[in-house]
Amino acid sequence: MTSNIAECIKGCLVDVHNLSIQDFLKEVRKLFEAWNYKNREIASYTETTLGRRFDEILTLNGVKASRMTLYVKPASEYHYSVYESGRIYVADLDANKCNCDRFQIDEIPCPHAIAVLK
């Protein structure tokens, strides 16, 4: 396999060059569907790890979320109000924001966002 994607595709379609344009395009579509299916299957079984530091932050935030006495109330599809110890936090899962500002700074879900996700 060559590193040039166009050459790779050309090599895979050598046998179908003599077909009509419609049949040729059908074969191209089948080829891309097969590649996408294979890549999606591989990706579904792939696990990646964050760096140790970020994994520790995420684990710590999960522990904090489980220990907090929280009340989560949906405001819309992606916006939630999280009540904790008399304070109200607004978690926006679409924009990856929470008014505790930890979500935006770390770009790792804060305890409030994790509480919403649970």
PDB file of N, CA and C in Angstrom:
ATOM      1  N   MET A   1       0.843  -1.175   0.000  1.00  0.00           N
ATOM      2  CA  MET A   1       0.000   0.000   0.000  1.00  0.00           C
ATOM      3  C   MET A   1       0.889   1.240   0.000  1.00  0.00           C
ATOM      4  N   THR A   2       0.540   2.168  -0.801  1.00  0.00           N
ATOM      5  CA  THR A   2       1.316   3.390  -0.917  1.00  0.00           C
ATOM      6  C   THR A   2       0.802   4.436   0.073  1.00  0.00           C
ATOM      7  N   SER A   3       1.618   5.409   0.374  1.00  0.00           N
ATOM      8  CA  SER A   3       1.192   6.452   1.294  1.00  0.00           C
ATOM      9  C   SER A   3       0.292   7.471   0.597  1.00  0.00           C
ATOM     10  N   ASN A   4       0.273   7.484  -0.708  1.00  0.00           N
ATOM     11  CA  ASN A   4      -0.576   8.405  -1.457  1.00  0.00           C
ATOM     12  C   ASN A   4      -1.956   7.770  -1.604  1.00  0.00           C
ATOM     13  N   ILE A   5      -2.959   8.358  -0.977  1.00  0.00           N
ATOM     14  CA  ILE A   5      -4.295   7.779  -0.957  1.00  0.00           C
ATOM     15  C   ILE A   5      -4.888   7.637  -2.350  1.00  0.00           C
ATOM     16  N   ALA A   6      -4.618   8.580  -3.228  1.00  0.00           N
ATOM     17  CA  ALA A   6      -5.149   8.497  -4.596  1.00  0.00           C
ATOM     18  C   ALA A   6      -4.575   7.292  -5.327  1.00  0.00           C
ATOM     19  N   GLU A   7      -3.291   7.024  -5.151  1.00  0.00           N
ATOM     20  CA  GLU A   7      -2.669   5.852  -5.783  1.00  0.00           C
ATOM     21  C   GLU A   7      -3.219   4.559  -5.194  1.00  0.00           C
ATOM     22  N   CYS A   8      -3.498   4.567  -3.913  1.00  0.00           N
ATOM     23  CA  CYS A   8      -4.071   3.396  -3.252  1.00  0.00           C
ATOM     24  C   CYS A   8      -5.455   3.081  -3.819  1.00  0.00           C
ATOM     25  N   ILE A   9      -6.286   4.103  -3.935  1.00  0.00           N
ATOM     26  CA  ILE A   9      -7.634   3.915  -4.482  1.00  0.00           C
ATOM     27  C   ILE A   9      -7.551   3.450  -5.925  1.00  0.00           C
ATOM     28  N   LYS A  10      -6.665   4.068  -6.694  1.00  0.00           N
ATOM     29  CA  LYS A  10      -6.486   3.691  -8.098  1.00  0.00           C
ATOM     30  C   LYS A  10      -6.081   2.220  -8.201  1.00  0.00           C
ATOM     31  N   GLY A  11      -5.185   1.779  -7.339  1.00  0.00           N
ATOM     32  CA  GLY A  11      -4.751   0.388  -7.362  1.00  0.00           C
ATOM     33  C   GLY A  11      -5.865  -0.578  -7.012  1.00  0.00           C
ATOM     34  N   CYS A  12      -6.764  -0.179  -6.117  1.00  0.00           N
ATOM     35  CA  CYS A  12      -7.872  -1.045  -5.726  1.00  0.00           C
ATOM     36  C   CYS A  12      -8.953  -1.121  -6.801  1.00  0.00           C
ATOM     37  N   LEU A  13      -8.997  -0.148  -7.683  1.00  0.00           N
ATOM     38  CA  LEU A  13     -10.057  -0.090  -8.699  1.00  0.00           C
ATOM     39  C   LEU A  13      -9.580  -0.461 -10.100  1.00  0.00           C
ATOM     40  N   VAL A  14      -8.398  -1.086 -10.212  1.00  0.00           N
ATOM     41  CA  VAL A  14      -7.853  -1.450 -11.518  1.00  0.00           C
ATOM     42  C   VAL A  14      -8.805  -2.360 -12.283  1.00  0.00           C
ATOM     43  N   ASP A  15      -9.413  -3.318 -11.609  1.00  0.00           N
ATOM     44  CA  ASP A  15     -10.267  -4.301 -12.280  1.00  0.00           C
ATOM     45  C   ASP A  15     -11.585  -3.730 -12.776  1.00  0.00           C
ATOM     46  N   VAL A  16     -12.013  -2.597 -12.289  1.00  0.00           N
ATOM     47  CA  VAL A  16     -13.326  -2.061 -12.655  1.00  0.00           C
ATOM     48  C   VAL A  16     -13.246  -0.865 -13.602  1.00  0.00           C
ATOM     49  N   HIS A  17     -12.067  -0.567 -14.151  1.00  0.00           N
ATOM     50  CA  HIS A  17     -11.924   0.577 -15.064  1.00  0.00           C
ATOM     51  C   HIS A  17     -12.731   0.423 -16.352  1.00  0.00           C
ATOM     52  N   ASN A  18     -13.014  -0.766 -16.769  1.00  0.00           N
ATOM     53  CA  ASN A  18     -13.714  -0.989 -18.038  1.00  0.00           C
ATOM     54  C   ASN A  18     -15.226  -0.973 -17.898  1.00  0.00           C
ATOM     55  N   LEU A  19     -15.748  -0.775 -16.720  1.00  0.00           N
ATOM     56  CA  LEU A  19     -17.194  -0.747 -16.509  1.00  0.00           C
ATOM     57  C   LEU A  19     -17.776   0.601 -16.935  1.00  0.00           C
ATOM     58  N   SER A  20     -19.099   0.628 -17.089  1.00  0.00           N
ATOM     59  CA  SER A  20     -19.757   1.907 -17.371  1.00  0.00           C
ATOM     60  C   SER A  20     -19.589   2.810 -16.158  1.00  0.00           C
ATOM     61  N   ILE A  21     -19.821   4.106 -16.337  1.00  0.00           N
ATOM     62  CA  ILE A  21     -19.585   5.056 -15.251  1.00  0.00           C
ATOM     63  C   ILE A  21     -20.462   4.756 -14.045  1.00  0.00           C
ATOM     64  N   GLN A  22     -21.724   4.357 -14.279  1.00  0.00           N
ATOM     65  CA  GLN A  22     -22.617   4.043 -13.166  1.00  0.00           C
ATOM     66  C   GLN A  22     -22.127   2.821 -12.386  1.00  0.00           C
ATOM     67  N   ASP A  23     -21.742   1.786 -13.111  1.00  0.00           N
ATOM     68  CA  ASP A  23     -21.244   0.585 -12.441  1.00  0.00           C
ATOM     69  C   ASP A  23     -19.914   0.861 -11.747  1.00  0.00           C
ATOM     70  N   PHE A  24     -19.081   1.686 -12.373  1.00  0.00           N
ATOM     71  CA  PHE A  24     -17.805   2.062 -11.765  1.00  0.00           C
ATOM     72  C   PHE A  24     -18.039   2.790 -10.436  1.00  0.00           C
ATOM     73  N   LEU A  25     -18.976   3.760 -10.438  1.00  0.00           N
ATOM     74  CA  LEU A  25     -19.271   4.510  -9.221  1.00  0.00           C
ATOM     75  C   LEU A  25     -19.877   3.619  -8.139  1.00  0.00           C
ATOM     76  N   LYS A  26     -20.661   2.613  -8.541  1.00  0.00           N
ATOM     77  CA  LYS A  26     -21.191   1.662  -7.568  1.00  0.00           C
ATOM     78  C   LYS A  26     -20.053   0.898  -6.901  1.00  0.00           C
ATOM     79  N   GLU A  27     -19.069   0.490  -7.681  1.00  0.00           N
ATOM     80  CA  GLU A  27     -17.921  -0.237  -7.131  1.00  0.00           C
ATOM     81  C   GLU A  27     -17.095   0.653  -6.201  1.00  0.00           C
ATOM     82  N   VAL A  28     -16.945   1.926  -6.569  1.00  0.00           N
ATOM     83  CA  VAL A  28     -16.226   2.870  -5.717  1.00  0.00           C
ATOM     84  C   VAL A  28     -16.961   3.023  -4.383  1.00  0.00           C
ATOM     85  N   ARG A  29     -18.291   3.167  -4.459  1.00  0.00           N
ATOM     86  CA  ARG A  29     -19.096   3.279  -3.243  1.00  0.00           C
ATOM     87  C   ARG A  29     -18.941   2.038  -2.373  1.00  0.00           C
ATOM     88  N   LYS A  30     -18.987   0.853  -2.971  1.00  0.00           N
ATOM     89  CA  LYS A  30     -18.821  -0.394  -2.212  1.00  0.00           C
ATOM     90  C   LYS A  30     -17.447  -0.452  -1.539  1.00  0.00           C
ATOM     91  N   LEU A  31     -16.420  -0.013  -2.251  1.00  0.00           N
ATOM     92  CA  LEU A  31     -15.070  -0.014  -1.697  1.00  0.00           C
ATOM     93  C   LEU A  31     -14.986   0.887  -0.473  1.00  0.00           C
ATOM     94  N   PHE A  32     -15.510   2.111  -0.582  1.00  0.00           N
ATOM     95  CA  PHE A  32     -15.474   3.045   0.542  1.00  0.00           C
ATOM     96  C   PHE A  32     -16.336   2.556   1.709  1.00  0.00           C
ATOM     97  N   GLU A  33     -17.481   1.953   1.404  1.00  0.00           N
ATOM     98  CA  GLU A  33     -18.312   1.403   2.473  1.00  0.00           C
ATOM     99  C   GLU A  33     -17.568   0.311   3.228  1.00  0.00           C
ATOM    100  N   ALA A  34     -16.887  -0.555   2.504  1.00  0.00           N
ATOM    101  CA  ALA A  34     -16.135  -1.641   3.135  1.00  0.00           C
ATOM    102  C   ALA A  34     -15.011  -1.075   4.006  1.00  0.00           C
ATOM    103  N   TRP A  35     -14.299  -0.083   3.505  1.00  0.00           N
ATOM    104  CA  TRP A  35     -13.221   0.536   4.281  1.00  0.00           C
ATOM    105  C   TRP A  35     -13.766   1.204   5.545  1.00  0.00           C
ATOM    106  N   ASN A  36     -14.863   1.950   5.390  1.00  0.00           N
ATOM    107  CA  ASN A  36     -15.447   2.637   6.545  1.00  0.00           C
ATOM    108  C   ASN A  36     -15.943   1.641   7.581  1.00  0.00           C
ATOM    109  N   TYR A  37     -16.570   0.552   7.136  1.00  0.00           N
ATOM    110  CA  TYR A  37     -17.055  -0.469   8.062  1.00  0.00           C
ATOM    111  C   TYR A  37     -15.885  -1.089   8.825  1.00  0.00           C
ATOM    112  N   LYS A  38     -14.834  -1.426   8.103  1.00  0.00           N
ATOM    113  CA  LYS A  38     -13.665  -2.044   8.730  1.00  0.00           C
ATOM    114  C   LYS A  38     -13.030  -1.089   9.744  1.00  0.00           C
ATOM    115  N   ASN A  39     -12.858   0.170   9.372  1.00  0.00           N
ATOM    116  CA  ASN A  39     -12.251   1.151  10.277  1.00  0.00           C
ATOM    117  C   ASN A  39     -13.126   1.417  11.497  1.00  0.00           C
ATOM    118  N   ARG A  40     -14.452   1.447  11.306  1.00  0.00           N
ATOM    119  CA  ARG A  40     -15.363   1.665  12.422  1.00  0.00           C
ATOM    120  C   ARG A  40     -15.309   0.479  13.391  1.00  0.00           C
ATOM    121  N   GLU A  41     -15.226  -0.735  12.843  1.00  0.00           N
ATOM    122  CA  GLU A  41     -15.110  -1.929  13.688  1.00  0.00           C
ATOM    123  C   GLU A  41     -13.825  -1.891  14.509  1.00  0.00           C
ATOM    124  N   ILE A  42     -12.731  -1.549  13.869  1.00  0.00           N
ATOM    125  CA  ILE A  42     -11.445  -1.466  14.577  1.00  0.00           C
ATOM    126  C   ILE A  42     -11.511  -0.402  15.662  1.00  0.00           C
ATOM    127  N   ALA A  43     -12.070   0.754  15.325  1.00  0.00           N
ATOM    128  CA  ALA A  43     -12.136   1.864  16.285  1.00  0.00           C
ATOM    129  C   ALA A  43     -13.042   1.542  17.470  1.00  0.00           C
ATOM    130  N   SER A  44     -14.076   0.737  17.256  1.00  0.00           N
ATOM    131  CA  SER A  44     -14.998   0.438  18.350  1.00  0.00           C
ATOM    132  C   SER A  44     -14.341  -0.417  19.425  1.00  0.00           C
ATOM    133  N   TYR A  45     -13.289  -1.142  19.090  1.00  0.00           N
ATOM    134  CA  TYR A  45     -12.593  -1.970  20.071  1.00  0.00           C
ATOM    135  C   TYR A  45     -11.309  -1.325  20.577  1.00  0.00           C
ATOM    136  N   THR A  46     -11.045  -0.123  20.143  1.00  0.00           N
ATOM    137  CA  THR A  46      -9.822   0.561  20.539  1.00  0.00           C
ATOM    138  C   THR A  46     -10.051   1.324  21.826  1.00  0.00           C
ATOM    139  N   GLU A  47      -9.173   1.134  22.755  1.00  0.00           N
ATOM    140  CA  GLU A  47      -9.217   1.905  23.993  1.00  0.00           C
ATOM    141  C   GLU A  47      -7.963   2.755  24.054  1.00  0.00           C
ATOM    142  N   THR A  48      -8.153   4.006  24.375  1.00  0.00           N
ATOM    143  CA  THR A  48      -7.003   4.879  24.539  1.00  0.00           C
ATOM    144  C   THR A  48      -6.980   5.355  25.973  1.00  0.00           C
ATOM    145  N   THR A  49      -5.825   5.656  26.437  1.00  0.00           N
ATOM    146  CA  THR A  49      -5.714   6.181  27.786  1.00  0.00           C
ATOM    147  C   THR A  49      -5.301   7.638  27.693  1.00  0.00           C
ATOM    148  N   LEU A  50      -5.829   8.389  28.606  1.00  0.00           N
ATOM    149  CA  LEU A  50      -5.366   9.754  28.738  1.00  0.00           C
ATOM    150  C   LEU A  50      -3.985   9.668  29.371  1.00  0.00           C
ATOM    151  N   GLY A  51      -3.319  10.756  29.445  1.00  0.00           N
ATOM    152  CA  GLY A  51      -2.082  10.752  30.203  1.00  0.00           C
ATOM    153  C   GLY A  51      -2.397  10.443  31.660  1.00  0.00           C
ATOM    154  N   ARG A  52      -1.417   9.989  32.425  1.00  0.00           N
ATOM    155  CA  ARG A  52      -1.655   9.615  33.814  1.00  0.00           C
ATOM    156  C   ARG A  52      -2.257  10.774  34.606  1.00  0.00           C
ATOM    157  N   ARG A  53      -1.765  11.965  34.367  1.00  0.00           N
ATOM    158  CA  ARG A  53      -2.262  13.149  35.086  1.00  0.00           C
ATOM    159  C   ARG A  53      -3.740  13.391  34.803  1.00  0.00           C
ATOM    160  N   PHE A  54      -4.117  13.322  33.521  1.00  0.00           N
ATOM    161  CA  PHE A  54      -5.500  13.590  33.146  1.00  0.00           C
ATOM    162  C   PHE A  54      -6.423  12.459  33.584  1.00  0.00           C
ATOM    163  N   ASP A  55      -5.935  11.245  33.554  1.00  0.00           N
ATOM    164  CA  ASP A  55      -6.714  10.111  34.027  1.00  0.00           C
ATOM    165  C   ASP A  55      -6.992  10.252  35.520  1.00  0.00           C
ATOM    166  N   GLU A  56      -5.997  10.726  36.267  1.00  0.00           N
ATOM    167  CA  GLU A  56      -6.176  10.942  37.704  1.00  0.00           C
ATOM    168  C   GLU A  56      -7.201  12.043  37.972  1.00  0.00           C
ATOM    169  N   ILE A  57      -7.156  13.126  37.177  1.00  0.00           N
ATOM    170  CA  ILE A  57      -8.128  14.223  37.339  1.00  0.00           C
ATOM    171  C   ILE A  57      -9.534  13.707  37.073  1.00  0.00           C
ATOM    172  N   LEU A  58      -9.712  12.937  36.003  1.00  0.00           N
ATOM    173  CA  LEU A  58     -11.030  12.411  35.656  1.00  0.00           C
ATOM    174  C   LEU A  58     -11.536  11.462  36.740  1.00  0.00           C
ATOM    175  N   THR A  59     -10.657  10.607  37.241  1.00  0.00           N
ATOM    176  CA  THR A  59     -11.044   9.687  38.315  1.00  0.00           C
ATOM    177  C   THR A  59     -11.425  10.458  39.571  1.00  0.00           C
ATOM    178  N   LEU A  60     -10.626  11.451  39.923  1.00  0.00           N
ATOM    179  CA  LEU A  60     -10.909  12.268  41.103  1.00  0.00           C
ATOM    180  C   LEU A  60     -12.248  12.996  40.960  1.00  0.00           C
ATOM    181  N   ASN A  61     -12.518  13.542  39.777  1.00  0.00           N
ATOM    182  CA  ASN A  61     -13.789  14.221  39.540  1.00  0.00           C
ATOM    183  C   ASN A  61     -14.962  13.247  39.648  1.00  0.00           C
ATOM    184  N   GLY A  62     -14.771  12.020  39.187  1.00  0.00           N
ATOM    185  CA  GLY A  62     -15.816  11.005  39.313  1.00  0.00           C
ATOM    186  C   GLY A  62     -16.088  10.655  40.764  1.00  0.00           C
ATOM    187  N   VAL A  63     -15.028  10.553  41.556  1.00  0.00           N
ATOM    188  CA  VAL A  63     -15.179  10.269  42.987  1.00  0.00           C
ATOM    189  C   VAL A  63     -15.888  11.429  43.679  1.00  0.00           C
ATOM    190  N   LYS A  64     -15.497  12.661  43.338  1.00  0.00           N
ATOM    191  CA  LYS A  64     -16.149  13.838  43.921  1.00  0.00           C
ATOM    192  C   LYS A  64     -17.636  13.853  43.580  1.00  0.00           C
ATOM    193  N   ALA A  65     -17.955  13.534  42.333  1.00  0.00           N
ATOM    194  CA  ALA A  65     -19.353  13.545  41.895  1.00  0.00           C
ATOM    195  C   ALA A  65     -20.164  12.497  42.644  1.00  0.00           C
ATOM    196  N   SER A  66     -19.563  11.345  42.919  1.00  0.00           N
ATOM    197  CA  SER A  66     -20.305  10.294  43.622  1.00  0.00           C
ATOM    198  C   SER A  66     -20.484  10.617  45.097  1.00  0.00           C
ATOM    199  N   ARG A  67     -19.576  11.404  45.683  1.00  0.00           N
ATOM    200  CA  ARG A  67     -19.656  11.757  47.102  1.00  0.00           C
ATOM    201  C   ARG A  67     -20.555  12.965  47.354  1.00  0.00           C
ATOM    202  N   MET A  68     -20.753  13.783  46.345  1.00  0.00           N
ATOM    203  CA  MET A  68     -21.558  14.996  46.518  1.00  0.00           C
ATOM    204  C   MET A  68     -23.027  14.637  46.645  1.00  0.00           C
ATOM    205  N   THR A  69     -23.701  15.414  47.455  1.00  0.00           N
ATOM    206  CA  THR A  69     -25.153  15.311  47.510  1.00  0.00           C
ATOM    207  C   THR A  69     -25.661  16.311  46.488  1.00  0.00           C
ATOM    208  N   LEU A  70     -25.991  15.794  45.311  1.00  0.00           N
ATOM    209  CA  LEU A  70     -26.357  16.658  44.191  1.00  0.00           C
ATOM    210  C   LEU A  70     -27.810  16.462  43.811  1.00  0.00           C
ATOM    211  N   TYR A  71     -28.363  17.510  43.293  1.00  0.00           N
ATOM    212  CA  TYR A  71     -29.673  17.442  42.688  1.00  0.00           C
ATOM    213  C   TYR A  71     -29.511  17.992  41.275  1.00  0.00           C
ATOM    214  N   VAL A  72     -29.768  17.175  40.298  1.00  0.00           N
ATOM    215  CA  VAL A  72     -29.587  17.563  38.900  1.00  0.00           C
ATOM    216  C   VAL A  72     -30.953  17.758  38.274  1.00  0.00           C
ATOM    217  N   LYS A  73     -31.130  18.927  37.661  1.00  0.00           N
ATOM    218  CA  LYS A  73     -32.405  19.234  37.015  1.00  0.00           C
ATOM    219  C   LYS A  73     -32.136  19.687  35.583  1.00  0.00           C
ATOM    220  N   PRO A  74     -32.708  18.996  34.585  1.00  0.00           N
ATOM    221  CA  PRO A  74     -32.488  19.416  33.197  1.00  0.00           C
ATOM    222  C   PRO A  74     -33.206  20.729  32.892  1.00  0.00           C
ATOM    223  N   ALA A  75     -32.503  21.612  32.196  1.00  0.00           N
ATOM    224  CA  ALA A  75     -33.103  22.870  31.747  1.00  0.00           C
ATOM    225  C   ALA A  75     -33.451  22.784  30.266  1.00  0.00           C
ATOM    226  N   SER A  76     -32.655  22.046  29.519  1.00  0.00           N
ATOM    227  CA  SER A  76     -32.922  21.769  28.106  1.00  0.00           C
ATOM    228  C   SER A  76     -32.174  20.480  27.774  1.00  0.00           C
ATOM    229  N   GLU A  77     -32.037  20.200  26.505  1.00  0.00           N
ATOM    230  CA  GLU A  77     -31.401  18.939  26.106  1.00  0.00           C
ATOM    231  C   GLU A  77     -29.955  18.844  26.586  1.00  0.00           C
ATOM    232  N   TYR A  78     -29.223  19.947  26.569  1.00  0.00           N
ATOM    233  CA  TYR A  78     -27.813  19.926  26.936  1.00  0.00           C
ATOM    234  C   TYR A  78     -27.484  20.761  28.173  1.00  0.00           C
ATOM    235  N   HIS A  79     -28.416  21.536  28.678  1.00  0.00           N
ATOM    236  CA  HIS A  79     -28.189  22.415  29.822  1.00  0.00           C
ATOM    237  C   HIS A  79     -28.834  21.807  31.068  1.00  0.00           C
ATOM    238  N   TYR A  80     -28.051  21.761  32.135  1.00  0.00           N
ATOM    239  CA  TYR A  80     -28.538  21.193  33.385  1.00  0.00           C
ATOM    240  C   TYR A  80     -28.167  22.105  34.540  1.00  0.00           C
ATOM    241  N   SER A  81     -29.055  22.183  35.503  1.00  0.00           N
ATOM    242  CA  SER A  81     -28.762  22.883  36.748  1.00  0.00           C
ATOM    243  C   SER A  81     -28.384  21.826  37.769  1.00  0.00           C
ATOM    244  N   VAL A  82     -27.241  22.038  38.395  1.00  0.00           N
ATOM    245  CA  VAL A  82     -26.753  21.107  39.404  1.00  0.00           C
ATOM    246  C   VAL A  82     -26.713  21.848  40.734  1.00  0.00           C
ATOM    247  N   TYR A  83     -27.495  21.379  41.683  1.00  0.00           N
ATOM    248  CA  TYR A  83     -27.572  22.004  43.000  1.00  0.00           C
ATOM    249  C   TYR A  83     -26.665  21.231  43.948  1.00  0.00           C
ATOM    250  N   GLU A  84     -25.710  21.948  44.545  1.00  0.00           N
ATOM    251  CA  GLU A  84     -24.777  21.316  45.470  1.00  0.00           C
ATOM    252  C   GLU A  84     -24.538  22.249  46.645  1.00  0.00           C
ATOM    253  N   SER A  85     -24.831  21.800  47.829  1.00  0.00           N
ATOM    254  CA  SER A  85     -24.567  22.545  49.063  1.00  0.00           C
ATOM    255  C   SER A  85     -25.044  23.993  48.989  1.00  0.00           C
ATOM    256  N   GLY A  86     -26.250  24.213  48.504  1.00  0.00           N
ATOM    257  CA  GLY A  86     -26.809  25.558  48.442  1.00  0.00           C
ATOM    258  C   GLY A  86     -26.343  26.396  47.268  1.00  0.00           C
ATOM    259  N   ARG A  87     -25.491  25.851  46.432  1.00  0.00           N
ATOM    260  CA  ARG A  87     -25.021  26.591  45.249  1.00  0.00           C
ATOM    261  C   ARG A  87     -25.605  25.950  43.998  1.00  0.00           C
ATOM    262  N   ILE A  88     -25.744  26.747  42.965  1.00  0.00           N
ATOM    263  CA  ILE A  88     -26.275  26.260  41.699  1.00  0.00           C
ATOM    264  C   ILE A  88     -25.167  26.348  40.657  1.00  0.00           C
ATOM    265  N   TYR A  89     -24.907  25.240  40.014  1.00  0.00           N
ATOM    266  CA  TYR A  89     -23.952  25.188  38.912  1.00  0.00           C
ATOM    267  C   TYR A  89     -24.729  24.862  37.646  1.00  0.00           C
ATOM    268  N   VAL A  90     -24.380  25.532  36.570  1.00  0.00           N
ATOM    269  CA  VAL A  90     -25.033  25.284  35.289  1.00  0.00           C
ATOM    270  C   VAL A  90     -24.028  24.574  34.393  1.00  0.00           C
ATOM    271  N   ALA A  91     -24.355  23.342  34.014  1.00  0.00           N
ATOM    272  CA  ALA A  91     -23.494  22.543  33.139  1.00  0.00           C
ATOM    273  C   ALA A  91     -24.081  22.544  31.739  1.00  0.00           C
ATOM    274  N   ASP A  92     -23.283  22.945  30.768  1.00  0.00           N
ATOM    275  CA  ASP A  92     -23.673  22.960  29.360  1.00  0.00           C
ATOM    276  C   ASP A  92     -22.853  21.885  28.656  1.00  0.00           C
ATOM    277  N   LEU A  93     -23.453  20.729  28.424  1.00  0.00           N
ATOM    278  CA  LEU A  93     -22.727  19.608  27.840  1.00  0.00           C
ATOM    279  C   LEU A  93     -22.430  19.806  26.358  1.00  0.00           C
ATOM    280  N   ASP A  94     -23.224  20.634  25.688  1.00  0.00           N
ATOM    281  CA  ASP A  94     -22.985  20.891  24.264  1.00  0.00           C
ATOM    282  C   ASP A  94     -21.735  21.736  24.056  1.00  0.00           C
ATOM    283  N   ALA A  95     -21.534  22.727  24.922  1.00  0.00           N
ATOM    284  CA  ALA A  95     -20.391  23.633  24.796  1.00  0.00           C
ATOM    285  C   ALA A  95     -19.233  23.231  25.710  1.00  0.00           C
ATOM    286  N   ASN A  96     -19.396  22.140  26.454  1.00  0.00           N
ATOM    287  CA  ASN A  96     -18.373  21.691  27.415  1.00  0.00           C
ATOM    288  C   ASN A  96     -18.018  22.794  28.399  1.00  0.00           C
ATOM    289  N   LYS A  97     -19.053  23.329  29.069  1.00  0.00           N
ATOM    290  CA  LYS A  97     -18.858  24.413  30.026  1.00  0.00           C
ATOM    291  C   LYS A  97     -19.634  24.141  31.303  1.00  0.00           C
ATOM    292  N   CYS A  98     -19.105  24.662  32.373  1.00  0.00           N
ATOM    293  CA  CYS A  98     -19.793  24.671  33.668  1.00  0.00           C
ATOM    294  C   CYS A  98     -19.384  25.968  34.345  1.00  0.00           C
ATOM    295  N   ASN A  99     -20.278  26.566  35.118  1.00  0.00           N
ATOM    296  CA  ASN A  99     -19.912  27.839  35.721  1.00  0.00           C
ATOM    297  C   ASN A  99     -18.955  27.692  36.901  1.00  0.00           C
ATOM    298  N   CYS A 100     -18.504  26.468  37.211  1.00  0.00           N
ATOM    299  CA  CYS A 100     -17.402  26.314  38.169  1.00  0.00           C
ATOM    300  C   CYS A 100     -16.063  26.556  37.453  1.00  0.00           C
ATOM    301  N   ASP A 101     -16.087  26.636  36.144  1.00  0.00           N
ATOM    302  CA  ASP A 101     -14.945  26.929  35.258  1.00  0.00           C
ATOM    303  C   ASP A 101     -13.905  25.805  35.155  1.00  0.00           C
ATOM    304  N   ARG A 102     -14.058  24.714  35.879  1.00  0.00           N
ATOM    305  CA  ARG A 102     -13.072  23.624  35.791  1.00  0.00           C
ATOM    306  C   ARG A 102     -13.180  22.905  34.446  1.00  0.00           C
ATOM    307  N   PHE A 103     -14.391  22.767  33.929  1.00  0.00           N
ATOM    308  CA  PHE A 103     -14.601  22.073  32.661  1.00  0.00           C
ATOM    309  C   PHE A 103     -13.868  22.798  31.537  1.00  0.00           C
ATOM    310  N   GLN A 104     -13.949  24.132  31.514  1.00  0.00           N
ATOM    311  CA  GLN A 104     -13.310  24.906  30.463  1.00  0.00           C
ATOM    312  C   GLN A 104     -11.787  24.909  30.614  1.00  0.00           C
ATOM    313  N   ILE A 105     -11.306  24.989  31.844  1.00  0.00           N
ATOM    314  CA  ILE A 105      -9.859  25.090  32.072  1.00  0.00           C
ATOM    315  C   ILE A 105      -9.164  23.777  31.767  1.00  0.00           C
ATOM    316  N   ASP A 106      -9.662  22.675  32.356  1.00  0.00           N
ATOM    317  CA  ASP A 106      -9.019  21.372  32.176  1.00  0.00           C
ATOM    318  C   ASP A 106      -9.423  20.684  30.885  1.00  0.00           C
ATOM    319  N   GLU A 107     -10.587  21.057  30.351  1.00  0.00           N
ATOM    320  CA  GLU A 107     -11.203  20.367  29.224  1.00  0.00           C
ATOM    321  C   GLU A 107     -11.455  18.907  29.557  1.00  0.00           C
ATOM    322  N   ILE A 108     -11.672  18.661  30.841  1.00  0.00           N
ATOM    323  CA  ILE A 108     -12.043  17.350  31.361  1.00  0.00           C
ATOM    324  C   ILE A 108     -13.309  17.583  32.168  1.00  0.00           C
ATOM    325  N   PRO A 109     -14.318  16.726  32.040  1.00  0.00           N
ATOM    326  CA  PRO A 109     -15.565  16.960  32.753  1.00  0.00           C
ATOM    327  C   PRO A 109     -15.360  17.165  34.250  1.00  0.00           C
ATOM    328  N   CYS A 110     -15.935  18.244  34.764  1.00  0.00           N
ATOM    329  CA  CYS A 110     -15.877  18.554  36.190  1.00  0.00           C
ATOM    330  C   CYS A 110     -16.851  17.634  36.931  1.00  0.00           C
ATOM    331  N   PRO A 111     -16.811  17.624  38.258  1.00  0.00           N
ATOM    332  CA  PRO A 111     -17.741  16.761  39.002  1.00  0.00           C
ATOM    333  C   PRO A 111     -19.209  17.030  38.682  1.00  0.00           C
ATOM    334  N   HIS A 112     -19.542  18.271  38.385  1.00  0.00           N
ATOM    335  CA  HIS A 112     -20.936  18.611  38.079  1.00  0.00           C
ATOM    336  C   HIS A 112     -21.362  17.993  36.750  1.00  0.00           C
ATOM    337  N   ALA A 113     -20.495  18.062  35.743  1.00  0.00           N
ATOM    338  CA  ALA A 113     -20.800  17.465  34.436  1.00  0.00           C
ATOM    339  C   ALA A 113     -20.876  15.945  34.556  1.00  0.00           C
ATOM    340  N   ILE A 114     -19.999  15.364  35.358  1.00  0.00           N
ATOM    341  CA  ILE A 114     -20.023  13.904  35.551  1.00  0.00           C
ATOM    342  C   ILE A 114     -21.325  13.508  36.248  1.00  0.00           C
ATOM    343  N   ALA A 115     -21.784  14.312  37.207  1.00  0.00           N
ATOM    344  CA  ALA A 115     -23.049  14.032  37.875  1.00  0.00           C
ATOM    345  C   ALA A 115     -24.204  14.039  36.877  1.00  0.00           C
ATOM    346  N   VAL A 116     -24.156  14.971  35.938  1.00  0.00           N
ATOM    347  CA  VAL A 116     -25.197  15.035  34.903  1.00  0.00           C
ATOM    348  C   VAL A 116     -25.123  13.786  34.027  1.00  0.00           C
ATOM    349  N   LEU A 117     -23.917  13.374  33.667  1.00  0.00           N
ATOM    350  CA  LEU A 117     -23.760  12.225  32.789  1.00  0.00           C
ATOM    351  C   LEU A 117     -24.172  10.915  33.449  1.00  0.00           C
ATOM    352  N   LYS A 118     -24.046  10.846  34.782  1.00  0.00           N
ATOM    353  CA  LYS A 118     -24.477   9.640  35.490  1.00  0.00           C
ATOM    354  C   LYS A 118     -25.975   9.574  35.524  1.00  0.00           C
TER     355      LYS A 118
END
